[in-house]
Amino acid sequence: MNVVHPVTALYLGPVWLWAYFTRGRRSSRKVMAARAGALARRGADPDRLERKGRSVAPEDMSAWHVGSAVSHCGAGCTLGDIAGEWIVFAFALAVAGVGTFGPELALDFPIAWLLGVGFQYFTIVPMRDDVSPARGLLLAMRADTLSIVSFQLGLFGWMALSHFVIWQPSLPIDSSAHWWMMQVGMVVGYGTAWPVNLLLVKKGWKEKMDHRSHLGMLVERAEEAA
């Protein structure tokens, strides 16, 4: 999340900054360590905290949990798209009839998929003691493939409109207007990935990023040390 949060803020801007300072910082090690000590002194139940953190019942789910899940694939898509776009520009890649749009799609998606799976891998494996690295990679691929496809559908659906309808001739990759369109597309992609990630979290295919899961373990350790 140290990478995911700033990358998400690149396209969601002040909206994600607000989400981070109101919810995201609860998962930082410094904040959780301080809260764990305070909760342990008050005799909090660590098992209840962990259960609430892992529960996907409607009363234990919030928009933050879904938004946080989307941010993982969104960060991979954002970095992948940035890399792919500049590769297309650097090598002057183009296809007759579609210009640079075809090469952009062909490069952006696989790079985004690789990065998205990587972000998901480092979410699953550290949080689950019963998952080996190899199993974690398979779970990460299962978790993020549908998520990335849904994000890229929104992003490239918008970019297709930009390339073929809104701007004629189409915008060059090295123009500020092109990157403004990309940012809008990423916001659209975030929206199209939302329902898919809600389903993935509920099915348990994606981790529910809830600080209480780890907080319960920290409270238990603090109580044992007291």
Protein backbone atom coordinates (compact mmCIF):
# COMPACT_ATOMS: atom_id res chain seq x y z
CA MET A 1 0.00 0.00 0.00
CA ASN A 2 2.98 2.31 0.34
CA VAL A 3 3.08 2.28 -3.47
CA VAL A 4 -0.65 1.86 -4.14
CA HIS A 5 -1.77 4.94 -2.19
CA PRO A 6 0.39 7.54 -4.01
CA VAL A 7 -0.24 5.94 -7.42
CA THR A 8 -4.02 6.01 -6.82
CA ALA A 9 -3.74 9.66 -5.83
CA LEU A 10 -2.21 10.37 -9.26
CA TYR A 11 -5.59 9.92 -10.93
CA LEU A 12 -8.14 10.29 -8.10
CA GLY A 13 -6.35 13.29 -6.63
CA PRO A 14 -7.96 14.95 -3.59
CA VAL A 15 -10.64 12.25 -3.37
CA TRP A 16 -8.02 9.60 -2.59
CA LEU A 17 -6.04 11.93 -0.34
CA TRP A 18 -9.18 12.35 1.76
CA ALA A 19 -9.78 8.57 1.75
CA TYR A 20 -6.19 7.93 2.78
CA PHE A 21 -6.14 10.37 5.69
CA THR A 22 -9.56 9.28 6.96
CA ARG A 23 -9.22 5.51 6.45
CA GLY A 24 -5.96 4.43 4.87
CA ARG A 25 -3.68 5.65 7.65
CA ARG A 26 -5.41 3.31 10.08
CA SER A 27 -3.38 0.50 8.50
CA SER A 28 0.02 2.14 8.99
CA ARG A 29 2.34 0.34 11.39
CA LYS A 30 2.79 3.41 13.58
CA VAL A 31 -0.94 4.02 14.01
CA MET A 32 -1.76 0.34 14.60
CA ALA A 33 1.03 -0.07 17.15
CA ALA A 34 -0.30 2.89 19.14
CA ARG A 35 -3.91 1.66 18.91
CA ALA A 36 -2.97 -1.90 19.83
CA GLY A 37 -1.34 -0.75 23.06
CA ALA A 38 -4.35 1.37 24.00
CA LEU A 39 -6.83 -1.42 23.19
CA ALA A 40 -4.81 -3.98 25.13
CA ARG A 41 -4.87 -1.76 28.22
CA ARG A 42 -8.65 -1.54 27.92
CA GLY A 43 -8.96 -5.34 27.63
CA ALA A 44 -10.18 -5.46 24.03
CA ASP A 45 -10.99 -8.85 22.54
CA PRO A 46 -8.37 -9.57 19.82
CA ASP A 47 -10.38 -12.47 18.38
CA ARG A 48 -13.39 -10.22 17.85
CA LEU A 49 -11.23 -7.62 16.11
CA GLU A 50 -9.82 -10.23 13.77
CA ARG A 51 -13.24 -11.71 13.02
CA LYS A 52 -14.65 -8.28 12.20
CA GLY A 53 -11.63 -7.54 10.04
CA ARG A 54 -12.08 -10.69 7.95
CA SER A 55 -15.87 -10.78 7.86
CA VAL A 56 -17.54 -9.97 4.53
CA ALA A 57 -21.02 -9.74 6.03
CA PRO A 58 -22.85 -6.58 4.86
CA GLU A 59 -22.61 -4.95 8.30
CA ASP A 60 -18.83 -5.43 8.33
CA MET A 61 -18.21 -4.15 4.78
CA SER A 62 -17.85 -0.53 3.73
CA ALA A 63 -17.09 1.43 0.58
CA TRP A 64 -13.49 1.71 1.79
CA HIS A 65 -12.96 -2.06 1.62
CA VAL A 66 -14.13 -2.20 -2.00
CA GLY A 67 -12.30 0.99 -2.95
CA SER A 68 -9.10 -0.32 -1.44
CA ALA A 69 -9.43 -3.55 -3.45
CA VAL A 70 -9.96 -1.56 -6.65
CA SER A 71 -6.90 0.56 -5.88
CA HIS A 72 -4.62 -2.49 -6.20
CA CYS A 73 -5.56 -3.26 -9.79
CA GLY A 74 -5.84 0.47 -10.47
CA ALA A 75 -2.25 1.04 -9.38
CA GLY A 76 -1.03 -1.76 -11.64
CA CYS A 77 -3.07 -0.42 -14.55
CA THR A 78 -1.84 3.13 -14.00
CA LEU A 79 1.85 2.21 -13.91
CA GLY A 80 1.41 -0.29 -16.76
CA ASP A 81 -0.37 2.24 -18.92
CA ILE A 82 2.25 4.90 -18.28
CA ALA A 83 5.03 2.47 -19.23
CA GLY A 84 3.19 1.13 -22.27
CA GLU A 85 2.29 4.57 -23.61
CA TRP A 86 5.87 5.80 -23.51
CA ILE A 87 7.18 2.62 -25.13
CA VAL A 88 4.76 3.20 -28.00
CA PHE A 89 5.91 6.80 -28.24
CA ALA A 90 9.63 5.97 -27.99
CA PHE A 91 9.48 3.43 -30.82
CA ALA A 92 6.91 5.37 -32.88
CA LEU A 93 4.62 2.33 -33.03
CA ALA A 94 1.46 2.64 -35.09
CA VAL A 95 -0.94 0.43 -37.07
CA ALA A 96 -2.71 1.52 -40.24
CA GLY A 97 -6.29 2.49 -39.55
CA VAL A 98 -6.02 2.73 -35.76
CA GLY A 99 -2.78 4.69 -35.37
CA THR A 100 -1.15 4.29 -31.96
CA PHE A 101 -4.33 2.99 -30.29
CA GLY A 102 -3.68 -0.65 -31.23
CA PRO A 103 -0.08 -0.75 -29.96
CA GLU A 104 -1.12 1.12 -26.79
CA LEU A 105 -3.74 -1.52 -25.99
CA ALA A 106 -1.39 -4.39 -26.89
CA LEU A 107 1.35 -3.12 -24.56
CA ASP A 108 -0.55 -1.44 -21.75
CA PHE A 109 -2.71 -4.42 -20.81
CA PRO A 110 -0.01 -7.11 -20.27
CA ILE A 111 2.24 -4.69 -18.36
CA ALA A 112 -0.71 -3.61 -16.21
CA TRP A 113 -1.63 -7.26 -15.58
CA LEU A 114 1.89 -8.15 -14.44
CA LEU A 115 2.07 -5.18 -12.07
CA GLY A 116 -1.46 -5.72 -10.76
CA VAL A 117 -0.77 -9.37 -10.00
CA GLY A 118 2.43 -8.29 -8.25
CA PHE A 119 0.56 -5.84 -6.01
CA GLN A 120 -2.02 -8.51 -5.21
CA TYR A 121 0.66 -11.11 -4.46
CA PHE A 122 2.18 -8.88 -1.78
CA THR A 123 -1.29 -8.44 -0.30
CA ILE A 124 -2.16 -12.13 -0.11
CA VAL A 125 1.08 -13.84 0.94
CA PRO A 126 2.06 -11.58 3.89
CA MET A 127 -1.49 -11.67 5.29
CA ARG A 128 -2.01 -15.45 5.12
CA ASP A 129 0.32 -17.81 6.98
CA ASP A 130 -1.16 -20.86 5.23
CA VAL A 131 -0.23 -19.75 1.69
CA SER A 132 3.07 -20.66 0.04
CA PRO A 133 4.70 -18.27 -2.47
CA ALA A 134 3.69 -20.50 -5.42
CA ARG A 135 0.11 -20.80 -4.19
CA GLY A 136 0.09 -17.08 -3.48
CA LEU A 137 1.02 -16.33 -7.09
CA LEU A 138 -1.86 -18.46 -8.39
CA LEU A 139 -4.29 -16.78 -6.00
CA ALA A 140 -3.01 -13.35 -7.04
CA MET A 141 -3.57 -14.20 -10.70
CA ARG A 142 -7.09 -15.43 -9.93
CA ALA A 143 -7.88 -12.38 -7.84
CA ASP A 144 -6.61 -9.63 -10.11
CA THR A 145 -7.21 -10.86 -13.66
CA LEU A 146 -10.95 -10.12 -13.64
CA SER A 147 -10.32 -6.91 -11.75
CA ILE A 148 -7.75 -5.64 -14.27
CA VAL A 149 -9.91 -6.62 -17.24
CA SER A 150 -12.84 -4.65 -15.80
CA PHE A 151 -10.61 -1.64 -15.09
CA GLN A 152 -9.06 -1.68 -18.56
CA LEU A 153 -12.48 -2.00 -20.21
CA GLY A 154 -13.49 1.31 -18.69
CA LEU A 155 -10.15 2.96 -19.34
CA PHE A 156 -9.76 1.88 -22.95
CA GLY A 157 -13.45 2.32 -23.68
CA TRP A 158 -12.96 5.97 -22.79
CA MET A 159 -9.66 6.18 -24.69
CA ALA A 160 -11.34 4.70 -27.77
CA LEU A 161 -13.86 7.55 -27.64
CA SER A 162 -11.01 10.02 -27.20
CA HIS A 163 -8.98 8.53 -30.06
CA PHE A 164 -11.72 7.93 -32.62
CA VAL A 165 -14.54 10.34 -31.72
CA ILE A 166 -13.68 13.24 -29.41
CA TRP A 167 -10.35 14.27 -30.94
CA GLN A 168 -9.75 14.31 -34.70
CA PRO A 169 -6.94 14.02 -35.48
CA SER A 170 -6.20 11.92 -32.39
CA LEU A 171 -4.01 13.36 -29.66
CA PRO A 172 -0.28 12.60 -29.72
CA ILE A 173 1.00 10.63 -26.75
CA ASP A 174 3.41 13.38 -25.69
CA SER A 175 0.63 15.97 -25.33
CA SER A 176 -0.80 17.10 -22.00
CA ALA A 177 -4.34 16.66 -23.40
CA HIS A 178 -3.67 12.97 -24.06
CA TRP A 179 -2.63 12.44 -20.45
CA TRP A 180 -5.65 14.37 -19.23
CA MET A 181 -7.81 11.94 -21.23
CA MET A 182 -5.86 9.05 -19.70
CA GLN A 183 -6.56 10.38 -16.20
CA VAL A 184 -10.27 10.64 -16.95
CA GLY A 185 -10.12 7.10 -18.37
CA MET A 186 -8.52 5.82 -15.17
CA VAL A 187 -11.35 7.35 -13.14
CA VAL A 188 -13.85 5.63 -15.47
CA GLY A 189 -11.89 2.37 -15.09
CA TYR A 190 -12.03 2.69 -11.32
CA GLY A 191 -15.81 2.86 -11.63
CA THR A 192 -16.14 -0.14 -13.96
CA ALA A 193 -13.88 -2.22 -11.69
CA TRP A 194 -15.94 -1.44 -8.57
CA PRO A 195 -18.74 -4.06 -8.91
CA VAL A 196 -16.24 -6.75 -9.92
CA ASN A 197 -14.08 -6.07 -6.88
CA LEU A 198 -17.11 -6.04 -4.59
CA LEU A 199 -17.92 -9.55 -5.82
CA LEU A 200 -14.29 -10.70 -5.54
CA VAL A 201 -13.99 -9.51 -1.94
CA LYS A 202 -17.30 -11.12 -0.97
CA LYS A 203 -16.24 -14.43 -2.55
CA GLY A 204 -12.94 -14.27 -0.70
CA TRP A 205 -10.87 -14.19 -3.91
CA LYS A 206 -9.44 -10.81 -2.94
CA GLU A 207 -8.30 -9.91 0.54
CA LYS A 208 -10.53 -7.61 2.53
CA MET A 209 -8.07 -4.86 3.38
CA ASP A 210 -9.24 -4.20 6.93
CA HIS A 211 -6.77 -2.97 9.54
CA ARG A 212 -8.66 -4.84 12.28
CA SER A 213 -7.36 -8.18 10.97
CA HIS A 214 -3.78 -7.26 11.82
CA LEU A 215 -4.76 -5.10 14.76
CA GLY A 216 -6.25 -8.12 16.55
CA MET A 217 -2.91 -9.92 16.33
CA LEU A 218 -1.06 -6.86 17.67
CA VAL A 219 -3.50 -6.54 20.59
CA GLU A 220 -2.99 -10.21 21.46
CA ARG A 221 0.78 -9.73 21.48
CA ALA A 222 0.48 -6.61 23.62
CA GLU A 223 -1.74 -8.44 26.13
CA GLU A 224 0.73 -11.34 26.31
CA ALA A 225 3.62 -8.96 26.88
CA ALA A 226 1.80 -7.02 29.61
